[in-house]
Amino acid sequence: MSIEKIDGKRWYEVNKVIYITVTLDKPTNGEEWISRTEKSRNQVVDHAKSVLRSKGFTSSAVGRYKIAILKASLFEDGDRVSNKICSEARKKKLVKLNADIIALIREQVSDYEIQDMGLKCIVGMHKPIKDSDDCPRLLAANRSNGGRRLDVYSGFPDDTWDRGFGFAFLVPQVS
């Protein structure tokens, strides 16, 4: 695991957007993410397990990923809606990430760091994956309500969010 440090932190913030780099050392399927996450003493909620086991789940390639996390405070209370958050990300030239990057964030980013970012949870703004109840879900690295968890939230475009959330997107690599 290799994460850059800037001013003693593994992340930095510019205009309510947090940037962090995480490294995937090997392709990991959903079942392996469950084992890997629980081995790291993180909880994996049942619906997250269902998402990880879904046919819609894909593994990212080995490599370093620069992540941009849009803080919920970028948006007014009435505008903190999934489709508006994704629209703002597109304006910033950010793209949706694979869901497994959230499992990687949960593994590599501590609860203290998430709190230091001013967040209670980092939601992956990936293509929603249906769980066993046929509901579209987004994976999340959660630090509240019971400790370190790989969690899920509803993935409908009109879902609203509170101020404690951050929304993770991928910063495209320039070639």
Protein backbone atom coordinates (compact mmCIF):
# COMPACT_ATOMS: atom_id res chain seq x y z
CA MET A 1 0.00 0.00 0.00
CA SER A 2 1.40 3.33 -1.07
CA ILE A 3 -0.34 6.64 -0.54
CA GLU A 4 1.25 10.03 -1.15
CA LYS A 5 1.61 12.37 1.83
CA ILE A 6 1.18 16.11 1.51
CA ASP A 7 1.86 18.24 4.59
CA GLY A 8 1.82 15.06 6.70
CA LYS A 9 -1.59 14.01 5.35
CA ARG A 10 -2.44 11.43 2.73
CA TRP A 11 -5.04 13.78 1.26
CA TYR A 12 -5.53 17.43 0.44
CA GLU A 13 -8.53 19.68 -0.16
CA VAL A 14 -9.14 22.39 -2.74
CA ASN A 15 -12.49 24.26 -2.89
CA LYS A 16 -14.41 21.57 -0.97
CA VAL A 17 -13.00 18.77 -3.12
CA ILE A 18 -10.74 16.27 -1.36
CA TYR A 19 -8.05 14.42 -3.30
CA ILE A 20 -6.44 11.16 -2.26
CA THR A 21 -4.54 8.43 -4.07
CA VAL A 22 -5.11 4.75 -3.32
CA THR A 23 -3.29 1.73 -4.74
CA LEU A 24 -4.78 -1.60 -5.77
CA ASP A 25 -2.12 -4.30 -5.49
CA LYS A 26 -4.08 -7.15 -7.10
CA PRO A 27 -7.42 -7.64 -8.85
CA THR A 28 -9.95 -8.68 -6.23
CA ASN A 29 -13.38 -10.15 -6.91
CA GLY A 30 -16.37 -9.44 -4.70
CA GLU A 31 -16.03 -12.51 -2.50
CA GLU A 32 -12.35 -11.71 -1.97
CA TRP A 33 -13.26 -8.11 -1.03
CA ILE A 34 -15.61 -9.44 1.65
CA SER A 35 -12.84 -11.59 3.11
CA ARG A 36 -10.17 -8.90 2.72
CA THR A 37 -12.39 -6.24 4.31
CA GLU A 38 -13.41 -8.39 7.27
CA LYS A 39 -9.80 -9.52 7.78
CA SER A 40 -8.94 -5.81 8.14
CA ARG A 41 -11.40 -5.66 11.07
CA ASN A 42 -13.99 -3.75 9.07
CA GLN A 43 -17.64 -4.75 9.03
CA VAL A 44 -19.33 -5.57 5.73
CA VAL A 45 -23.09 -5.02 5.99
CA ASP A 46 -25.33 -7.68 4.44
CA HIS A 47 -26.50 -5.51 1.54
CA ALA A 48 -22.86 -4.62 0.77
CA LYS A 49 -22.08 -8.34 0.62
CA SER A 50 -24.98 -8.74 -1.78
CA VAL A 51 -23.60 -5.94 -4.00
CA LEU A 52 -20.11 -7.43 -3.92
CA ARG A 53 -21.53 -10.82 -4.96
CA SER A 54 -23.69 -9.31 -7.72
CA LYS A 55 -23.12 -9.93 -11.44
CA GLY A 56 -22.87 -6.14 -11.78
CA PHE A 57 -19.72 -6.01 -9.65
CA THR A 58 -16.41 -5.76 -11.54
CA SER A 59 -12.82 -5.59 -10.38
CA SER A 60 -10.53 -2.70 -11.25
CA ALA A 61 -7.10 -3.17 -12.75
CA VAL A 62 -4.00 -3.10 -10.58
CA GLY A 63 -2.69 0.44 -10.21
CA ARG A 64 -2.83 3.80 -8.50
CA TYR A 65 -6.11 5.69 -8.50
CA LYS A 66 -6.50 9.38 -7.81
CA ILE A 67 -9.86 9.96 -6.18
CA ALA A 68 -11.78 13.22 -5.91
CA ILE A 69 -14.32 13.40 -3.10
CA LEU A 70 -16.92 16.15 -3.48
CA LYS A 71 -17.97 17.34 -0.04
CA ALA A 72 -21.72 17.56 0.49
CA SER A 73 -21.21 21.13 1.69
CA LEU A 74 -20.58 22.10 -1.97
CA PHE A 75 -24.33 21.84 -2.42
CA GLU A 76 -27.25 23.69 -0.87
CA ASP A 77 -29.62 21.50 1.14
CA GLY A 78 -32.21 21.27 -1.66
CA ASP A 79 -29.55 20.58 -4.31
CA ARG A 80 -27.75 17.73 -2.54
CA VAL A 81 -29.27 15.14 -4.88
CA SER A 82 -27.43 12.28 -6.61
CA ASN A 83 -28.08 13.43 -10.18
CA LYS A 84 -26.96 17.01 -9.37
CA ILE A 85 -23.84 15.71 -7.62
CA CYS A 86 -22.98 13.62 -10.69
CA SER A 87 -23.62 16.63 -12.94
CA GLU A 88 -21.20 18.74 -10.88
CA ALA A 89 -18.61 15.96 -11.11
CA ARG A 90 -18.91 15.91 -14.91
CA LYS A 91 -18.34 19.69 -14.97
CA LYS A 92 -15.13 19.04 -13.03
CA LYS A 93 -14.15 16.34 -15.59
CA LEU A 94 -14.47 13.57 -12.99
CA VAL A 95 -15.80 10.13 -13.89
CA LYS A 96 -17.63 7.35 -12.09
CA LEU A 97 -15.38 4.79 -10.47
CA ASN A 98 -15.72 1.03 -10.09
CA ALA A 99 -17.44 0.01 -6.85
CA ASP A 100 -14.37 -1.90 -5.66
CA ILE A 101 -12.47 1.37 -5.27
CA ILE A 102 -14.75 2.11 -2.29
CA ALA A 103 -13.69 -1.18 -0.69
CA LEU A 104 -10.11 -0.07 -1.33
CA ILE A 105 -10.81 3.32 0.28
CA ARG A 106 -12.38 1.57 3.31
CA GLU A 107 -9.24 -0.56 3.59
CA GLN A 108 -6.70 2.25 3.17
CA VAL A 109 -8.38 5.31 4.72
CA SER A 110 -8.82 5.35 8.48
CA ASP A 111 -11.88 6.58 10.36
CA TYR A 112 -9.69 9.34 11.80
CA GLU A 113 -8.80 10.51 8.28
CA ILE A 114 -12.44 10.47 7.18
CA GLN A 115 -13.32 12.51 10.28
CA ASP A 116 -10.38 14.86 9.63
CA MET A 117 -11.81 15.40 6.13
CA GLY A 118 -14.99 16.60 7.85
CA LEU A 119 -16.98 13.56 6.72
CA LYS A 120 -18.84 10.68 8.30
CA CYS A 121 -19.04 8.62 5.13
CA ILE A 122 -17.55 8.41 1.61
CA VAL A 123 -20.07 7.19 -0.96
CA GLY A 124 -18.83 5.75 -4.23
CA MET A 125 -20.60 7.37 -7.12
CA HIS A 126 -20.33 4.31 -9.33
CA LYS A 127 -22.99 2.80 -11.56
CA PRO A 128 -25.55 1.54 -9.01
CA ILE A 129 -25.46 -2.23 -8.49
CA LYS A 130 -28.62 -4.12 -7.60
CA ASP A 131 -28.55 -6.05 -4.34
CA SER A 132 -30.42 -9.25 -3.52
CA ASP A 133 -33.61 -7.19 -2.97
CA ASP A 134 -33.27 -5.82 -6.52
CA CYS A 135 -32.57 -2.30 -5.19
CA PRO A 136 -29.85 -0.16 -6.80
CA ARG A 137 -27.07 0.46 -4.27
CA LEU A 138 -23.89 2.50 -3.91
CA LEU A 139 -21.02 1.19 -1.77
CA ALA A 140 -19.74 3.47 0.98
CA ALA A 141 -16.86 3.67 3.43
CA ASN A 142 -18.72 4.52 6.64
CA ARG A 143 -17.23 5.54 9.98
CA SER A 144 -20.42 6.17 11.93
CA ASN A 145 -23.12 4.12 13.61
CA GLY A 146 -21.13 1.15 14.79
CA GLY A 147 -17.58 1.65 13.58
CA ARG A 148 -15.62 0.97 10.40
CA ARG A 149 -18.00 -0.42 7.81
CA LEU A 150 -18.28 -1.15 4.15
CA ASP A 151 -21.86 -0.03 3.79
CA VAL A 152 -24.43 0.70 1.09
CA TYR A 153 -26.84 3.50 0.31
CA SER A 154 -29.69 3.79 -2.14
CA GLY A 155 -28.56 4.45 -5.71
CA PHE A 156 -31.55 6.25 -7.22
CA PRO A 157 -30.78 9.48 -9.16
CA ASP A 158 -33.17 11.57 -7.03
CA ASP A 159 -31.80 10.45 -3.65
CA THR A 160 -30.94 13.28 -1.27
CA TRP A 161 -27.95 13.41 1.10
CA ASP A 162 -27.03 15.17 4.32
CA ARG A 163 -24.00 17.38 4.92
CA GLY A 164 -21.81 14.68 6.46
CA PHE A 165 -21.24 12.82 3.21
CA GLY A 166 -18.51 12.91 0.59
CA PHE A 167 -19.00 11.59 -2.94
CA ALA A 168 -16.09 9.74 -4.54
CA PHE A 169 -15.26 9.98 -8.24
CA LEU A 170 -12.23 9.03 -10.26
CA VAL A 171 -9.83 11.66 -11.56
CA PRO A 172 -9.08 10.47 -15.11
CA GLN A 173 -5.47 9.71 -15.93
CA VAL A 174 -3.96 11.97 -18.55
CA SER A 175 -1.96 10.04 -21.10
